[in-house]
Amino acid sequence: MFVLGLVGVLLVGGAAVAVWRAAHHDAAADVDHADALVVLGAAQYNGVPSPVFQGRLDHAALLWQQGRADVVFTVGSKQLGDRFTEAEAGRDYLIDHGVPADRIVALDIGHTTYQSLQAVTHEMRARQLSTAFLVSDPWHNARIVAMADDLGVQGYASATWTSADASQESRAKEYLRETFAYLYYRVFGG
């Protein structure tokens, strides 16, 4: 029983360290250019990105302005009753913030991170693209990079720290939740 408990503690501790380390490293500091930017969706309200989603989109717009990629993918479906998808809301926001419409691909697929990344990696392969900056919140970095890599795309996490999850309490909850989400993904996959 003691050995099982110790293994559990080591697994959770290792996942927590991986999540923390990935959250505090921006691949854009090491990688100048990737084939694409992928903005992971978050809530939108009648076509207007939520504050969390807006933080991600603002970060993607900055990376675009820096010339970090040639195409931007926005992803995410919609909830029952929504008129707009996350992908559409993200696309429209980026157009309003200077990203040319013909350089944005809105993929309105996916209710989960994994489903969205499956859709975008499929589209990237069809376009012969193999590398991407992945834009989300920092605590997602370890899991989204692992997922992209598993799906055949070299992912580089470049997260925003300007989303609505700004309080220490909300960030601590996100790190804890993501530690278990990352561990679950590593053990059970998509």
C-alpha atoms as a PDB file:
ATOM      1  CA  MET A   1       0.000   0.000   0.000  1.00  0.00           C
ATOM      2  CA  PHE A   2       2.843   2.360   0.885  1.00  0.00           C
ATOM      3  CA  VAL A   3       4.513   1.723  -2.480  1.00  0.00           C
ATOM      4  CA  LEU A   4       1.294   2.511  -4.373  1.00  0.00           C
ATOM      5  CA  GLY A   5       0.867   5.729  -2.381  1.00  0.00           C
ATOM      6  CA  LEU A   6       4.465   6.708  -3.101  1.00  0.00           C
ATOM      7  CA  VAL A   7       4.045   6.005  -6.812  1.00  0.00           C
ATOM      8  CA  GLY A   8       0.886   8.145  -6.835  1.00  0.00           C
ATOM      9  CA  VAL A   9       2.648  11.024  -5.104  1.00  0.00           C
ATOM     10  CA  LEU A  10       5.579  10.788  -7.519  1.00  0.00           C
ATOM     11  CA  LEU A  11       3.270  10.742 -10.553  1.00  0.00           C
ATOM     12  CA  VAL A  12       1.267  13.746  -9.381  1.00  0.00           C
ATOM     13  CA  GLY A  13       4.417  15.575  -8.299  1.00  0.00           C
ATOM     14  CA  GLY A  14       6.112  14.902 -11.632  1.00  0.00           C
ATOM     15  CA  ALA A  15       3.056  16.132 -13.526  1.00  0.00           C
ATOM     16  CA  ALA A  16       2.900  19.265 -11.366  1.00  0.00           C
ATOM     17  CA  VAL A  17       6.556  20.042 -12.060  1.00  0.00           C
ATOM     18  CA  ALA A  18       6.080  19.468 -15.807  1.00  0.00           C
ATOM     19  CA  VAL A  19       3.047  21.778 -15.886  1.00  0.00           C
ATOM     20  CA  TRP A  20       4.807  24.477 -13.848  1.00  0.00           C
ATOM     21  CA  ARG A  21       8.001  24.376 -15.918  1.00  0.00           C
ATOM     22  CA  ALA A  22       6.124  24.450 -19.232  1.00  0.00           C
ATOM     23  CA  ALA A  23       3.996  27.359 -18.008  1.00  0.00           C
ATOM     24  CA  HIS A  24       7.075  29.419 -17.286  1.00  0.00           C
ATOM     25  CA  HIS A  25       8.768  28.931 -20.632  1.00  0.00           C
ATOM     26  CA  ASP A  26       7.760  30.771 -23.781  1.00  0.00           C
ATOM     27  CA  ALA A  27       9.012  28.933 -26.857  1.00  0.00           C
ATOM     28  CA  ALA A  28       8.923  32.228 -28.773  1.00  0.00           C
ATOM     29  CA  ALA A  29      12.078  33.109 -26.848  1.00  0.00           C
ATOM     30  CA  ASP A  30      13.849  30.202 -28.590  1.00  0.00           C
ATOM     31  CA  VAL A  31      12.010  29.804 -31.905  1.00  0.00           C
ATOM     32  CA  ASP A  32      11.803  32.698 -34.352  1.00  0.00           C
ATOM     33  CA  HIS A  33       9.265  31.303 -36.790  1.00  0.00           C
ATOM     34  CA  ALA A  34       6.797  28.447 -37.155  1.00  0.00           C
ATOM     35  CA  ASP A  35       4.538  27.465 -40.020  1.00  0.00           C
ATOM     36  CA  ALA A  36       1.393  28.504 -38.128  1.00  0.00           C
ATOM     37  CA  LEU A  37      -0.124  30.082 -35.062  1.00  0.00           C
ATOM     38  CA  VAL A  38      -2.872  28.034 -33.400  1.00  0.00           C
ATOM     39  CA  VAL A  39      -5.165  29.897 -31.014  1.00  0.00           C
ATOM     40  CA  LEU A  40      -6.987  27.503 -28.707  1.00  0.00           C
ATOM     41  CA  GLY A  41     -10.587  28.533 -28.225  1.00  0.00           C
ATOM     42  CA  ALA A  42     -12.332  29.671 -25.074  1.00  0.00           C
ATOM     43  CA  ALA A  43     -15.780  31.043 -24.364  1.00  0.00           C
ATOM     44  CA  GLN A  44     -17.335  33.636 -26.612  1.00  0.00           C
ATOM     45  CA  TYR A  45     -20.543  35.553 -26.066  1.00  0.00           C
ATOM     46  CA  ASN A  46     -22.594  36.272 -29.173  1.00  0.00           C
ATOM     47  CA  GLY A  47     -19.424  36.563 -31.241  1.00  0.00           C
ATOM     48  CA  VAL A  48     -17.451  38.542 -28.651  1.00  0.00           C
ATOM     49  CA  PRO A  49     -14.476  36.702 -27.120  1.00  0.00           C
ATOM     50  CA  SER A  50     -14.530  36.254 -23.352  1.00  0.00           C
ATOM     51  CA  PRO A  51     -11.721  37.996 -21.455  1.00  0.00           C
ATOM     52  CA  VAL A  52      -9.772  34.702 -21.339  1.00  0.00           C
ATOM     53  CA  PHE A  53     -10.178  34.198 -25.097  1.00  0.00           C
ATOM     54  CA  GLN A  54      -9.356  37.853 -25.783  1.00  0.00           C
ATOM     55  CA  GLY A  55      -6.050  37.463 -23.928  1.00  0.00           C
ATOM     56  CA  ARG A  56      -5.137  34.526 -26.167  1.00  0.00           C
ATOM     57  CA  LEU A  57      -6.163  36.391 -29.319  1.00  0.00           C
ATOM     58  CA  ASP A  58      -4.212  39.507 -28.336  1.00  0.00           C
ATOM     59  CA  HIS A  59      -1.121  37.362 -27.830  1.00  0.00           C
ATOM     60  CA  ALA A  60      -1.627  35.707 -31.225  1.00  0.00           C
ATOM     61  CA  ALA A  61      -2.028  39.137 -32.860  1.00  0.00           C
ATOM     62  CA  LEU A  62       1.279  40.198 -31.280  1.00  0.00           C
ATOM     63  CA  LEU A  63       3.046  37.081 -32.575  1.00  0.00           C
ATOM     64  CA  TRP A  64       1.540  37.771 -36.022  1.00  0.00           C
ATOM     65  CA  GLN A  65       2.781  41.372 -35.969  1.00  0.00           C
ATOM     66  CA  GLN A  66       6.243  40.051 -35.094  1.00  0.00           C
ATOM     67  CA  GLY A  67       6.173  37.893 -38.240  1.00  0.00           C
ATOM     68  CA  ARG A  68       6.282  34.622 -36.299  1.00  0.00           C
ATOM     69  CA  ALA A  69       4.076  32.620 -38.722  1.00  0.00           C
ATOM     70  CA  ASP A  70       2.402  32.766 -42.114  1.00  0.00           C
ATOM     71  CA  VAL A  71      -1.072  31.542 -41.171  1.00  0.00           C
ATOM     72  CA  VAL A  72      -3.265  31.653 -38.070  1.00  0.00           C
ATOM     73  CA  PHE A  73      -5.715  28.916 -37.107  1.00  0.00           C
ATOM     74  CA  THR A  74      -8.568  29.666 -34.745  1.00  0.00           C
ATOM     75  CA  VAL A  75     -10.357  26.633 -33.370  1.00  0.00           C
ATOM     76  CA  GLY A  76     -13.392  25.724 -31.354  1.00  0.00           C
ATOM     77  CA  SER A  77     -17.012  24.854 -31.848  1.00  0.00           C
ATOM     78  CA  LYS A  78     -20.033  26.378 -30.128  1.00  0.00           C
ATOM     79  CA  GLN A  79     -22.261  25.501 -27.226  1.00  0.00           C
ATOM     80  CA  LEU A  80     -25.912  24.633 -27.641  1.00  0.00           C
ATOM     81  CA  GLY A  81     -27.825  27.835 -28.420  1.00  0.00           C
ATOM     82  CA  ASP A  82     -24.776  29.836 -29.520  1.00  0.00           C
ATOM     83  CA  ARG A  83     -24.982  31.720 -32.802  1.00  0.00           C
ATOM     84  CA  PHE A  84     -21.206  31.863 -33.287  1.00  0.00           C
ATOM     85  CA  THR A  85     -18.379  29.400 -32.859  1.00  0.00           C
ATOM     86  CA  GLU A  86     -15.205  30.126 -30.927  1.00  0.00           C
ATOM     87  CA  ALA A  87     -13.310  29.831 -34.225  1.00  0.00           C
ATOM     88  CA  GLU A  88     -15.525  32.476 -35.885  1.00  0.00           C
ATOM     89  CA  ALA A  89     -15.330  34.855 -32.933  1.00  0.00           C
ATOM     90  CA  GLY A  90     -11.547  34.443 -32.871  1.00  0.00           C
ATOM     91  CA  ARG A  91     -11.222  35.002 -36.611  1.00  0.00           C
ATOM     92  CA  ASP A  92     -13.323  38.155 -36.525  1.00  0.00           C
ATOM     93  CA  TYR A  93     -11.404  39.519 -33.529  1.00  0.00           C
ATOM     94  CA  LEU A  94      -8.056  38.936 -35.236  1.00  0.00           C
ATOM     95  CA  ILE A  95      -9.254  40.606 -38.452  1.00  0.00           C
ATOM     96  CA  ASP A  96     -10.322  43.627 -36.384  1.00  0.00           C
ATOM     97  CA  HIS A  97      -6.821  43.645 -34.866  1.00  0.00           C
ATOM     98  CA  GLY A  98      -4.832  43.677 -38.080  1.00  0.00           C
ATOM     99  CA  VAL A  99      -4.431  40.069 -39.155  1.00  0.00           C
ATOM    100  CA  PRO A 100      -5.405  39.750 -42.844  1.00  0.00           C
ATOM    101  CA  ALA A 101      -8.556  37.680 -43.358  1.00  0.00           C
ATOM    102  CA  ASP A 102      -6.887  35.562 -46.035  1.00  0.00           C
ATOM    103  CA  ARG A 103      -4.227  34.458 -43.525  1.00  0.00           C
ATOM    104  CA  ILE A 104      -6.747  33.116 -40.973  1.00  0.00           C
ATOM    105  CA  VAL A 105      -8.308  29.662 -41.067  1.00  0.00           C
ATOM    106  CA  ALA A 106     -11.271  29.244 -38.705  1.00  0.00           C
ATOM    107  CA  LEU A 107     -11.893  25.588 -37.860  1.00  0.00           C
ATOM    108  CA  ASP A 108     -15.183  25.361 -36.014  1.00  0.00           C
ATOM    109  CA  ILE A 109     -14.512  21.837 -34.792  1.00  0.00           C
ATOM    110  CA  GLY A 110     -13.942  20.632 -31.279  1.00  0.00           C
ATOM    111  CA  HIS A 111     -15.534  20.830 -27.869  1.00  0.00           C
ATOM    112  CA  THR A 112     -12.275  19.772 -26.210  1.00  0.00           C
ATOM    113  CA  THR A 113      -8.665  20.790 -26.611  1.00  0.00           C
ATOM    114  CA  TYR A 114      -7.811  17.400 -28.079  1.00  0.00           C
ATOM    115  CA  GLN A 115     -10.632  17.529 -30.657  1.00  0.00           C
ATOM    116  CA  SER A 116      -9.586  21.030 -31.708  1.00  0.00           C
ATOM    117  CA  LEU A 117      -5.948  20.005 -32.021  1.00  0.00           C
ATOM    118  CA  GLN A 118      -6.953  16.937 -34.048  1.00  0.00           C
ATOM    119  CA  ALA A 119      -8.797  19.206 -36.484  1.00  0.00           C
ATOM    120  CA  VAL A 120      -5.981  21.712 -36.794  1.00  0.00           C
ATOM    121  CA  THR A 121      -3.221  19.128 -37.168  1.00  0.00           C
ATOM    122  CA  HIS A 122      -5.257  17.404 -39.906  1.00  0.00           C
ATOM    123  CA  GLU A 123      -5.621  20.730 -41.733  1.00  0.00           C
ATOM    124  CA  MET A 124      -1.939  21.537 -41.233  1.00  0.00           C
ATOM    125  CA  ARG A 125      -0.863  18.215 -42.743  1.00  0.00           C
ATOM    126  CA  ALA A 126      -3.152  18.870 -45.737  1.00  0.00           C
ATOM    127  CA  ARG A 127      -1.321  22.181 -46.199  1.00  0.00           C
ATOM    128  CA  GLN A 128       2.094  20.563 -45.626  1.00  0.00           C
ATOM    129  CA  LEU A 129       2.689  22.553 -42.440  1.00  0.00           C
ATOM    130  CA  SER A 130       4.513  20.873 -39.595  1.00  0.00           C
ATOM    131  CA  THR A 131       5.297  23.439 -36.873  1.00  0.00           C
ATOM    132  CA  ALA A 132       3.063  25.732 -34.851  1.00  0.00           C
ATOM    133  CA  PHE A 133       3.096  28.207 -32.017  1.00  0.00           C
ATOM    134  CA  LEU A 134       0.283  27.082 -29.699  1.00  0.00           C
ATOM    135  CA  VAL A 135      -1.449  29.979 -27.955  1.00  0.00           C
ATOM    136  CA  SER A 136      -3.441  29.344 -24.795  1.00  0.00           C
ATOM    137  CA  ASP A 137      -3.050  30.070 -21.094  1.00  0.00           C
ATOM    138  CA  PRO A 138       0.311  29.106 -19.571  1.00  0.00           C
ATOM    139  CA  TRP A 139      -0.913  26.229 -17.408  1.00  0.00           C
ATOM    140  CA  HIS A 140      -2.058  24.430 -20.600  1.00  0.00           C
ATOM    141  CA  ASN A 141       1.410  24.480 -22.197  1.00  0.00           C
ATOM    142  CA  ALA A 142       2.621  21.012 -21.216  1.00  0.00           C
ATOM    143  CA  ARG A 143      -0.576  19.266 -22.292  1.00  0.00           C
ATOM    144  CA  ILE A 144      -1.090  21.101 -25.594  1.00  0.00           C
ATOM    145  CA  VAL A 145       2.511  20.560 -26.663  1.00  0.00           C
ATOM    146  CA  ALA A 146       2.250  16.851 -25.803  1.00  0.00           C
ATOM    147  CA  MET A 147      -1.005  16.577 -27.746  1.00  0.00           C
ATOM    148  CA  ALA A 148       0.331  18.395 -30.815  1.00  0.00           C
ATOM    149  CA  ASP A 149       3.479  16.306 -30.808  1.00  0.00           C
ATOM    150  CA  ASP A 150       1.427  13.095 -30.479  1.00  0.00           C
ATOM    151  CA  LEU A 151      -0.710  14.259 -33.417  1.00  0.00           C
ATOM    152  CA  GLY A 152       2.355  14.822 -35.612  1.00  0.00           C
ATOM    153  CA  VAL A 153       2.894  18.574 -35.360  1.00  0.00           C
ATOM    154  CA  GLN A 154       5.893  20.141 -33.642  1.00  0.00           C
ATOM    155  CA  GLY A 155       4.210  22.406 -31.111  1.00  0.00           C
ATOM    156  CA  TYR A 156       5.816  25.438 -29.490  1.00  0.00           C
ATOM    157  CA  ALA A 157       3.845  26.876 -26.580  1.00  0.00           C
ATOM    158  CA  SER A 158       3.641  30.652 -26.427  1.00  0.00           C
ATOM    159  CA  ALA A 159       1.055  31.508 -23.825  1.00  0.00           C
ATOM    160  CA  THR A 160      -0.558  34.701 -22.676  1.00  0.00           C
ATOM    161  CA  TRP A 161      -0.285  35.952 -19.120  1.00  0.00           C
ATOM    162  CA  THR A 162      -2.878  38.656 -19.766  1.00  0.00           C
ATOM    163  CA  SER A 163      -6.046  36.578 -19.667  1.00  0.00           C
ATOM    164  CA  ALA A 164      -8.766  37.035 -17.076  1.00  0.00           C
ATOM    165  CA  ASP A 165      -7.266  34.344 -14.826  1.00  0.00           C
ATOM    166  CA  ALA A 166      -5.146  36.890 -12.995  1.00  0.00           C
ATOM    167  CA  SER A 167      -5.686  36.262  -9.294  1.00  0.00           C
ATOM    168  CA  GLN A 168      -3.310  33.986  -7.419  1.00  0.00           C
ATOM    169  CA  GLU A 169      -6.287  31.899  -6.291  1.00  0.00           C
ATOM    170  CA  SER A 170      -7.651  31.337  -9.807  1.00  0.00           C
ATOM    171  CA  ARG A 171      -4.171  30.560 -11.145  1.00  0.00           C
ATOM    172  CA  ALA A 172      -3.530  28.066  -8.345  1.00  0.00           C
ATOM    173  CA  LYS A 173      -6.803  26.314  -9.192  1.00  0.00           C
ATOM    174  CA  GLU A 174      -5.866  26.211 -12.882  1.00  0.00           C
ATOM    175  CA  TYR A 175      -2.420  24.742 -12.119  1.00  0.00           C
ATOM    176  CA  LEU A 176      -3.996  22.079  -9.916  1.00  0.00           C
ATOM    177  CA  ARG A 177      -6.681  21.214 -12.458  1.00  0.00           C
ATOM    178  CA  GLU A 178      -4.150  21.138 -15.279  1.00  0.00           C
ATOM    179  CA  THR A 179      -1.766  18.920 -13.298  1.00  0.00           C
ATOM    180  CA  PHE A 180      -4.435  16.230 -13.219  1.00  0.00           C
ATOM    181  CA  ALA A 181      -5.520  16.893 -16.827  1.00  0.00           C
ATOM    182  CA  TYR A 182      -1.914  16.539 -17.989  1.00  0.00           C
ATOM    183  CA  LEU A 183      -1.400  13.370 -15.955  1.00  0.00           C
ATOM    184  CA  TYR A 184      -4.665  11.934 -17.282  1.00  0.00           C
ATOM    185  CA  TYR A 185      -3.635  12.689 -20.865  1.00  0.00           C
ATOM    186  CA  ARG A 186      -0.181  11.135 -20.409  1.00  0.00           C
ATOM    187  CA  VAL A 187      -1.678   7.963 -18.932  1.00  0.00           C
ATOM    188  CA  PHE A 188      -4.835   7.540 -21.034  1.00  0.00           C
ATOM    189  CA  GLY A 189      -4.221   9.693 -24.134  1.00  0.00           C
ATOM    190  CA  GLY A 190      -6.761  11.792 -26.061  1.00  0.00           C
END
